Protein backbone atom coordinates (compact mmCIF):
# COMPACT_ATOMS: atom_id res chain seq x y z
CA MET A 1 40.15 3.02 -9.69
CA ILE A 2 36.38 2.90 -9.99
CA VAL A 3 34.03 1.13 -7.58
CA ASP A 4 30.33 0.95 -8.39
CA ALA A 5 27.27 -1.26 -8.76
CA ILE A 6 26.80 -3.31 -11.94
CA LYS A 7 23.52 -1.48 -12.61
CA ASN A 8 25.61 1.68 -13.21
CA ALA A 9 28.15 0.10 -15.55
CA GLU A 10 27.09 2.07 -18.61
CA LEU A 11 28.40 5.24 -16.96
CA TYR A 12 31.90 3.94 -17.77
CA TYR A 13 31.45 2.64 -21.33
CA SER A 14 33.04 5.79 -22.79
CA LEU A 15 36.35 4.94 -21.07
CA SER A 16 36.93 1.94 -23.34
CA PRO A 17 34.77 0.02 -25.82
CA ARG A 18 35.99 -3.15 -24.10
CA ILE A 19 34.26 -2.11 -20.87
CA LYS A 20 30.91 -2.17 -22.66
CA GLN A 21 31.84 -5.46 -24.33
CA ALA A 22 32.66 -7.03 -20.94
CA PHE A 23 29.39 -5.93 -19.32
CA ASP A 24 27.38 -6.97 -22.40
CA TRP A 25 28.94 -10.44 -22.11
CA LEU A 26 28.15 -10.52 -18.40
CA ALA A 27 24.48 -9.63 -19.04
CA THR A 28 24.06 -12.56 -21.46
CA THR A 29 25.99 -15.24 -19.58
CA ASP A 30 24.85 -17.69 -16.93
CA ILE A 31 27.66 -17.11 -14.44
CA ALA A 32 26.59 -19.96 -12.18
CA ALA A 33 27.09 -22.42 -15.06
CA LEU A 34 30.64 -21.24 -15.86
CA GLU A 35 33.55 -23.47 -15.02
CA ALA A 36 36.50 -21.93 -13.25
CA GLY A 37 39.27 -20.81 -15.60
CA ARG A 38 39.80 -18.52 -18.56
CA HIS A 39 36.98 -17.75 -20.97
CA ASP A 40 37.89 -15.84 -24.14
CA ILE A 41 35.52 -13.12 -25.27
CA ASP A 42 37.82 -11.47 -27.84
CA GLY A 43 41.02 -13.51 -27.56
CA ASN A 44 43.80 -11.69 -25.72
CA ASN A 45 41.99 -8.37 -26.21
CA LEU A 46 39.28 -9.30 -23.72
CA PHE A 47 38.87 -12.39 -21.58
CA VAL A 48 37.53 -13.28 -18.17
CA ASN A 49 39.02 -15.48 -15.48
CA VAL A 50 36.41 -17.20 -13.35
CA MET A 51 37.98 -17.92 -9.99
CA ASP A 52 36.95 -19.74 -6.83
CA VAL A 53 39.43 -18.42 -4.30
CA ALA A 54 40.19 -18.69 -0.60
CA LEU A 55 40.35 -15.27 1.00
CA LYS A 56 43.25 -14.25 3.22
CA PRO A 57 43.78 -11.78 6.07
CA ARG A 58 44.90 -8.19 5.47
CA ARG A 59 48.38 -8.93 6.81
CA GLU A 60 48.92 -11.16 3.75
CA ALA A 61 47.82 -8.49 1.27
CA ALA A 62 50.05 -8.31 -1.79
CA LEU A 63 49.61 -5.28 -4.01
CA GLU A 64 49.72 -6.04 -7.73
CA VAL A 65 50.00 -3.87 -10.83
CA HIS A 66 49.57 -4.42 -14.56
CA ASP A 67 50.98 -2.56 -17.57
CA ARG A 68 48.96 -3.89 -20.52
CA TYR A 69 45.58 -4.77 -19.02
CA ILE A 70 42.75 -3.07 -17.16
CA ASP A 71 41.07 -5.33 -14.60
CA ILE A 72 37.35 -5.37 -13.95
CA GLN A 73 36.74 -7.48 -10.86
CA ILE A 74 33.18 -8.55 -10.11
CA MET A 75 31.81 -10.33 -7.07
CA VAL A 76 29.48 -13.25 -7.69
CA GLY A 77 28.70 -14.28 -4.13
CA LYS A 78 30.13 -13.35 -0.78
CA ALA A 79 31.88 -10.00 -0.23
CA GLU A 80 35.60 -9.56 -0.82
CA GLU A 81 37.90 -6.94 0.64
CA TYR A 82 40.57 -5.12 -1.39
CA GLY A 83 43.55 -2.98 -0.57
CA TRP A 84 44.54 -0.08 -2.82
CA MET A 85 47.21 2.56 -3.30
CA GLU A 86 48.60 4.58 -6.16
CA ARG A 87 51.15 2.62 -8.14
CA CYS A 88 53.58 5.52 -8.02
CA ASP A 89 53.67 5.19 -4.21
CA CYS A 90 54.75 1.53 -4.26
CA GLN A 91 58.35 1.32 -3.05
CA THR A 92 59.04 -2.33 -2.19
CA PRO A 93 58.76 -4.76 -5.11
CA ARG A 94 58.46 -8.42 -4.16
CA GLU A 95 59.78 -9.39 -7.58
CA GLU A 96 60.59 -7.99 -11.01
CA PHE A 97 57.76 -7.20 -13.41
CA ASN A 98 56.64 -10.40 -15.19
CA ARG A 99 55.99 -9.28 -18.79
CA GLU A 100 54.52 -12.63 -19.82
CA ARG A 101 51.90 -12.55 -17.04
CA ASP A 102 51.64 -8.71 -17.03
CA VAL A 103 51.99 -8.47 -13.27
CA GLN A 104 54.28 -7.24 -10.53
CA PHE A 105 53.72 -7.65 -6.80
CA PHE A 106 54.73 -5.25 -4.03
CA LEU A 107 55.20 -5.71 -0.29
CA ASP A 108 53.96 -2.20 0.57
CA THR A 109 50.95 -1.81 2.87
CA PRO A 110 47.84 -0.64 1.03
CA GLN A 111 46.85 2.97 1.68
CA THR A 112 43.16 2.10 2.02
CA PHE A 113 40.82 -0.89 2.14
CA PHE A 114 37.30 -1.32 0.78
CA THR A 115 34.75 -4.10 0.36
CA LEU A 116 33.01 -5.23 -2.82
CA ASN A 117 29.67 -6.94 -2.35
CA GLU A 118 27.72 -9.10 -4.76
CA ARG A 119 26.67 -7.24 -7.93
CA GLN A 120 29.39 -4.64 -7.47
CA PHE A 121 32.61 -4.17 -9.45
CA ALA A 122 35.96 -2.46 -9.32
CA ILE A 123 37.95 -1.27 -12.33
CA PHE A 124 41.69 -1.13 -11.80
CA PHE A 125 43.86 0.76 -14.29
CA PRO A 126 47.65 0.44 -14.64
CA GLU A 127 48.00 3.35 -12.19
CA ASP A 128 46.20 1.37 -9.49
CA ALA A 129 48.05 -1.03 -7.19
CA HIS A 130 45.43 -3.39 -5.79
CA ALA A 131 45.46 -6.22 -3.26
CA PRO A 132 42.51 -8.56 -3.91
CA MET A 133 41.22 -11.68 -2.18
CA LEU A 134 41.11 -10.35 1.38
CA GLY A 135 38.58 -11.51 3.96
CA GLU A 136 37.40 -14.80 5.44
CA GLY A 137 36.19 -17.95 3.73
CA SER A 138 36.10 -18.31 -0.03
CA VAL A 139 34.43 -16.51 -2.90
CA ARG A 140 33.67 -16.83 -6.61
CA LYS A 141 34.72 -13.85 -8.66
CA LEU A 142 35.14 -12.74 -12.23
CA ILE A 143 38.25 -10.90 -13.39
CA PHE A 144 37.88 -9.38 -16.82
CA LYS A 145 41.18 -8.51 -18.49
CA LEU A 146 40.91 -5.70 -21.05
CA LEU A 147 43.91 -5.00 -23.27
CA ILE A 148 44.69 -1.29 -23.29
């Protein structure tokens, strides 16, 4: 997992060419004008989900993991809290892995919590179990999905 400010994004471009492609798209897009939903950048190789979501309390945190995609989650407005733990430490699956949606949820309690503020991002790799959408109120966020 990586947590940083958008102004430092280029530090991570060497990890995947799609990371640079995602941040280049972000720099040239009017986020406020985007409708909620999926926006293709490079088909299934790279796309972004624009989401307006209601946040939930920590006790409802559901850890999720992905096999085929790296997530870059970016805050647009209000802060959002996340839970995290290493995927290998997850012991209690809520369901089987959904190959079509590339996701599995776990009932385990996150090992740690952190907050992302506006103009910050988190990169979650397949090794990272993450529980997003924690806090109070609602928030607009971007979730870039980068095919590995």
